[in-house]
Protein backbone atom coordinates (compact mmCIF):
# COMPACT_ATOMS: atom_id res chain seq x y z
CA MET A 1 -40.48 -22.81 -66.07
CA ASN A 2 -39.60 -24.55 -69.38
CA GLU A 3 -36.98 -27.20 -70.00
CA VAL A 4 -34.35 -24.73 -71.20
CA ASP A 5 -34.60 -22.78 -67.97
CA TRP A 6 -33.90 -25.91 -65.89
CA VAL A 7 -30.73 -26.53 -67.86
CA GLU A 8 -29.43 -22.95 -67.66
CA LEU A 9 -30.02 -22.61 -63.91
CA PRO A 10 -27.14 -24.85 -62.70
CA LEU A 11 -24.85 -23.34 -65.33
CA ASN A 12 -25.58 -19.80 -64.20
CA ALA A 13 -25.08 -20.77 -60.56
CA ALA A 14 -21.72 -22.33 -61.37
CA LEU A 15 -20.57 -19.20 -63.23
CA PHE A 16 -21.64 -17.00 -60.30
CA LEU A 17 -19.71 -19.18 -57.84
CA VAL A 18 -16.57 -18.95 -59.97
CA PHE A 19 -16.90 -15.15 -60.09
CA VAL A 20 -17.25 -14.89 -56.29
CA LEU A 21 -14.23 -17.13 -55.73
CA ALA A 22 -12.18 -15.03 -58.15
CA CYS A 23 -13.10 -11.85 -56.30
CA LEU A 24 -12.10 -13.37 -52.99
CA LEU A 25 -8.74 -14.53 -54.30
CA GLN A 26 -7.90 -11.25 -56.08
CA PRO A 27 -9.98 -8.52 -54.44
CA VAL A 28 -7.95 -5.63 -55.86
CA ARG A 29 -8.41 -6.61 -59.50
CA CYS A 30 -12.06 -7.44 -59.05
CA SER A 31 -12.70 -3.95 -57.66
CA GLY A 32 -11.41 -2.47 -60.89
CA GLN A 33 -8.10 -1.17 -59.49
CA SER A 34 -4.84 -1.62 -61.32
CA PRO A 35 -1.68 -2.74 -59.48
CA GLU A 36 -0.23 0.73 -59.95
CA SER A 37 -3.09 2.28 -57.96
CA ASP A 38 -2.42 0.31 -54.75
CA PRO A 39 -2.26 2.61 -51.69
CA VAL A 40 1.26 3.55 -50.56
CA GLU A 41 2.11 2.89 -46.92
CA PRO A 42 2.88 6.11 -45.01
CA THR A 43 6.53 6.77 -44.12
CA VAL A 44 7.21 6.13 -40.43
CA GLN A 45 9.20 8.93 -38.83
CA PRO A 46 12.18 7.70 -36.76
CA ALA A 47 11.74 7.99 -33.00
CA ASP A 48 13.90 10.44 -31.04
CA SER A 49 16.88 8.36 -29.97
CA ASN A 50 17.40 10.72 -27.03
CA SER A 51 14.26 9.36 -25.35
CA THR A 52 16.28 6.32 -24.22
CA ILE A 53 19.12 8.53 -22.91
CA TYR A 54 17.42 11.42 -21.07
CA TYR A 55 14.51 10.61 -18.78
CA LYS A 56 13.27 11.85 -15.42
CA HIS A 57 15.13 10.45 -12.38
CA ARG A 58 18.06 9.14 -14.40
CA LEU A 59 21.04 8.68 -12.05
CA ASP A 60 24.66 9.00 -13.25
CA PHE A 61 28.13 8.93 -11.80
CA SER A 62 30.42 11.61 -13.26
CA TRP A 63 34.13 12.24 -12.98
CA GLU A 64 35.66 15.51 -14.17
CA THR A 65 39.04 17.16 -14.25
CA GLY A 66 40.78 20.12 -15.85
CA VAL A 67 43.79 22.40 -15.86
CA LEU A 68 42.78 25.88 -14.67
CA PHE A 69 45.81 28.05 -15.21
CA ASP A 70 44.58 31.45 -16.43
CA ASN A 71 44.32 33.88 -13.48
CA ILE A 72 41.62 36.57 -13.70
CA PRO A 73 39.91 38.99 -11.27
CA PHE A 74 36.99 37.79 -9.19
CA VAL A 75 33.94 38.16 -11.43
CA LEU A 76 31.80 39.61 -8.58
CA ASP A 77 34.32 42.24 -7.40
CA PRO A 78 32.37 45.21 -8.82
CA LEU A 79 29.16 44.02 -7.15
CA LEU A 80 30.95 43.74 -3.80
CA GLY A 81 32.38 47.26 -4.05
CA ASP A 82 35.89 45.95 -4.48
CA LYS A 83 38.47 46.81 -7.13
CA TRP A 84 38.68 44.73 -10.29
CA LYS A 85 42.06 43.14 -9.59
CA THR A 86 43.98 39.92 -10.11
CA ASN A 87 45.85 38.21 -7.30
CA PRO A 88 49.54 39.09 -7.88
CA LEU A 89 50.40 35.50 -6.90
CA PRO A 90 49.51 33.25 -9.87
CA TYR A 91 47.85 29.89 -9.28
CA THR A 92 47.22 26.73 -11.31
CA LEU A 93 44.51 24.35 -10.08
CA VAL A 94 43.86 20.77 -11.21
CA PRO A 95 40.47 19.72 -9.78
CA PHE A 96 39.23 16.13 -9.64
CA ILE A 97 35.47 16.16 -9.13
CA SER A 98 33.35 13.07 -8.45
CA SER A 99 29.58 13.54 -8.48
CA LEU A 100 26.21 11.87 -8.56
CA ARG A 101 23.96 13.47 -11.19
CA TRP A 102 20.19 13.21 -10.87
CA GLN A 103 17.95 14.30 -13.75
CA LEU A 104 15.20 16.39 -12.15
CA ASP A 105 12.71 16.64 -15.02
CA ARG A 106 11.91 15.34 -18.49
CA VAL A 107 13.15 16.94 -21.70
CA ARG A 108 10.95 19.91 -22.60
CA GLY A 109 11.02 23.55 -23.63
CA PRO A 110 10.79 25.63 -26.82
CA GLY A 111 13.40 25.76 -29.59
CA PHE A 112 17.02 25.93 -28.52
CA LEU A 113 15.92 26.11 -24.85
CA ARG A 114 14.60 22.54 -25.05
CA GLY A 115 16.32 20.39 -22.46
CA TYR A 116 16.39 19.36 -18.82
CA THR A 117 18.11 20.18 -15.50
CA ASP A 118 20.17 17.85 -13.37
CA LEU A 119 21.33 18.13 -9.76
CA ALA A 120 24.99 17.32 -9.05
CA VAL A 121 26.19 16.38 -5.54
CA GLY A 122 29.80 15.42 -4.90
CA GLY A 123 33.24 16.37 -3.79
CA THR A 124 36.47 17.66 -5.21
CA PHE A 125 40.12 17.12 -4.50
CA THR A 126 42.05 19.94 -6.16
CA ALA A 127 45.79 19.79 -6.61
CA ILE A 128 47.40 23.25 -6.49
CA THR A 129 50.35 22.81 -8.85
CA ARG A 130 51.30 26.50 -8.89
CA GLY A 131 51.02 28.61 -5.74
CA PRO A 132 52.10 28.38 -2.10
CA GLU A 133 49.32 25.96 -1.13
CA SER A 134 49.31 22.34 -2.31
CA ARG A 135 45.72 21.07 -2.12
CA TYR A 136 42.08 21.97 -1.66
CA ILE A 137 39.30 19.58 -0.56
CA ALA A 138 35.63 20.58 -0.76
CA PHE A 139 32.02 19.44 -0.90
CA VAL A 140 30.23 20.90 -3.94
CA THR A 141 26.68 20.83 -5.27
CA GLY A 142 24.79 22.65 -8.00
CA LEU A 143 22.68 22.55 -11.13
CA ARG A 144 23.43 21.91 -14.79
CA ARG A 145 21.14 22.94 -17.64
CA ASN A 146 21.41 20.59 -20.62
CA PHE A 147 20.14 21.66 -24.05
CA VAL A 148 18.84 18.64 -25.97
CA ARG A 149 18.10 18.53 -29.70
CA PRO A 150 16.18 15.54 -31.17
CA ASN A 151 18.47 12.71 -32.29
CA TRP A 152 21.67 14.69 -31.60
CA LYS A 153 24.51 12.82 -29.92
CA THR A 154 26.04 16.10 -28.71
CA MET A 155 24.41 18.20 -26.02
CA PRO A 156 25.53 21.72 -24.93
CA TYR A 157 25.34 22.53 -21.23
CA LEU A 158 25.86 25.30 -18.65
CA GLU A 159 26.57 24.57 -14.98
CA LEU A 160 27.03 26.38 -11.67
CA ARG A 161 28.13 24.69 -8.43
CA GLY A 162 29.14 25.93 -5.02
CA GLY A 163 30.53 24.48 -1.83
CA VAL A 164 32.74 24.73 1.23
CA GLY A 165 36.12 23.18 1.90
CA ASP A 166 39.57 23.19 3.44
CA VAL A 167 42.86 24.50 2.01
CA ASP A 168 46.34 24.27 3.48
CA ALA A 169 46.48 28.05 3.83
CA LYS A 170 49.90 29.70 3.89
CA GLY A 171 48.75 33.23 4.66
CA PRO A 172 49.04 32.69 8.45
CA GLN A 173 52.67 31.73 7.86
CA GLY A 174 53.37 35.17 6.45
CA ILE A 175 53.38 34.31 2.73
CA LYS A 176 52.08 37.38 0.92
CA TYR A 177 48.99 36.98 -1.28
CA ALA A 178 48.46 33.38 -0.07
CA GLN A 179 45.14 32.18 1.37
CA GLY A 180 44.28 33.62 4.77
CA GLU A 181 42.76 30.59 6.50
CA ALA A 182 41.86 26.93 6.04
CA LEU A 183 38.06 27.37 5.87
CA THR A 184 37.20 28.49 2.34
CA PHE A 185 34.26 28.67 -0.01
CA THR A 186 34.18 27.88 -3.70
CA PHE A 187 31.99 28.08 -6.74
CA ILE A 188 32.60 26.49 -10.12
CA SER A 189 30.93 27.56 -13.34
CA SER A 190 31.41 25.73 -16.60
CA GLY A 191 30.07 25.32 -20.11
CA GLY A 192 30.70 22.86 -22.89
CA VAL A 193 29.26 19.91 -24.79
CA ARG A 194 28.53 16.31 -23.90
CA TYR A 195 28.84 13.49 -26.46
CA ASN A 196 26.90 10.26 -25.95
CA PHE A 197 28.74 7.05 -26.85
CA SER A 198 25.57 5.15 -25.90
CA SER A 199 22.65 5.43 -23.49
CA GLU A 200 24.98 4.24 -20.72
CA SER A 201 28.09 6.44 -21.13
CA SER A 202 29.19 9.83 -22.43
CA PHE A 203 32.14 12.21 -22.63
CA SER A 204 32.15 15.97 -21.99
CA ALA A 205 34.56 18.80 -22.74
CA GLY A 206 34.42 22.53 -22.09
CA ILE A 207 35.73 25.52 -20.14
CA ALA A 208 35.55 25.86 -16.35
CA TYR A 209 36.04 28.77 -13.94
CA MET A 210 36.85 28.15 -10.26
CA HIS A 211 36.84 30.60 -7.36
CA ILE A 212 38.24 29.92 -3.87
CA SER A 213 38.21 32.43 -0.99
CA ASN A 214 37.47 32.76 2.73
CA ALA A 215 34.80 35.48 2.33
CA TYR A 216 36.96 37.96 4.30
CA LEU A 217 36.66 35.83 7.45
CA SER A 218 40.42 35.97 8.03
CA GLY A 219 40.59 39.76 8.11
CA PRO A 220 42.15 41.91 9.33
CA LYS A 221 44.90 39.45 10.21
CA ALA A 222 45.12 38.16 6.63
CA TYR A 223 43.56 39.88 3.62
CA ASN A 224 41.25 37.83 1.40
CA PHE A 225 43.01 37.67 -1.96
CA GLY A 226 41.31 34.48 -3.15
CA ILE A 227 41.97 32.35 -6.21
CA ASN A 228 40.25 32.91 -9.56
CA VAL A 229 41.29 30.70 -12.46
CA PHE A 230 39.80 29.17 -15.58
CA GLY A 231 40.85 26.68 -18.24
CA PRO A 232 39.84 23.56 -20.19
CA SER A 233 37.99 20.70 -18.56
CA ILE A 234 36.89 17.17 -19.51
CA GLY A 235 34.68 14.53 -17.93
CA VAL A 236 32.97 11.16 -18.27
CA ASN A 237 29.49 10.03 -17.21
CA PHE A 238 28.18 6.52 -16.50
CA ARG A 239 24.56 5.52 -15.93
CA LEU A 240 24.07 3.75 -12.59
CA LYS A 241 20.77 1.97 -13.24
CA PRO A 242 18.64 1.12 -16.31
CA PRO A 243 15.58 3.23 -17.20
CA PRO A 244 12.14 2.23 -15.83
CA HIS A 245 9.93 0.16 -18.13
């Protein structure tokens, strides 16, 4: 190797080192890419906010009331072979229902059927503000189907509950069309929407139908006229314990 080569060797090594350092400091430009060609980060889809509200084994306390003033025939009269008739004695019921609500499954299902089912167990004190009787006390339980849409704060629902209770019957006292005996059965069906203030509390509003009768157990001494009313209802729900980690 001649003298010129020995001089150029350190110079070439120094230039190569500078080039490597430049590539390490600015890798994008050294690769031949312009700043405009930098990859764009993918858009992150927002999580379903309902996942923190509805989860399996959620436990709530609910309190509901309403004013059921519209008297109608018993909806199952035709199936029981009875005439489609309304009790000539009008009633107005104001139920106060306290319940524990337990979510039985996770949110699932296709399309508008997506949702979950909860089990309600509780009791009702019903003030009879129009009619010969004054109060009705009963144990009630049943199922509610909740229809959940992703990220919606409102949730439609349908519910059916049944139970057994005690009414201060006035039929044995000779009051016509009153209830025939104290032991009575009830079922309550309702539908409406629930609005979530947060993952801990919510408000609901809808329409409820309530039936009370003694299932013909008082006959023939007292005929089973029963009570069949519907009207607006409202309620509140409170979560009793935080979700599992």
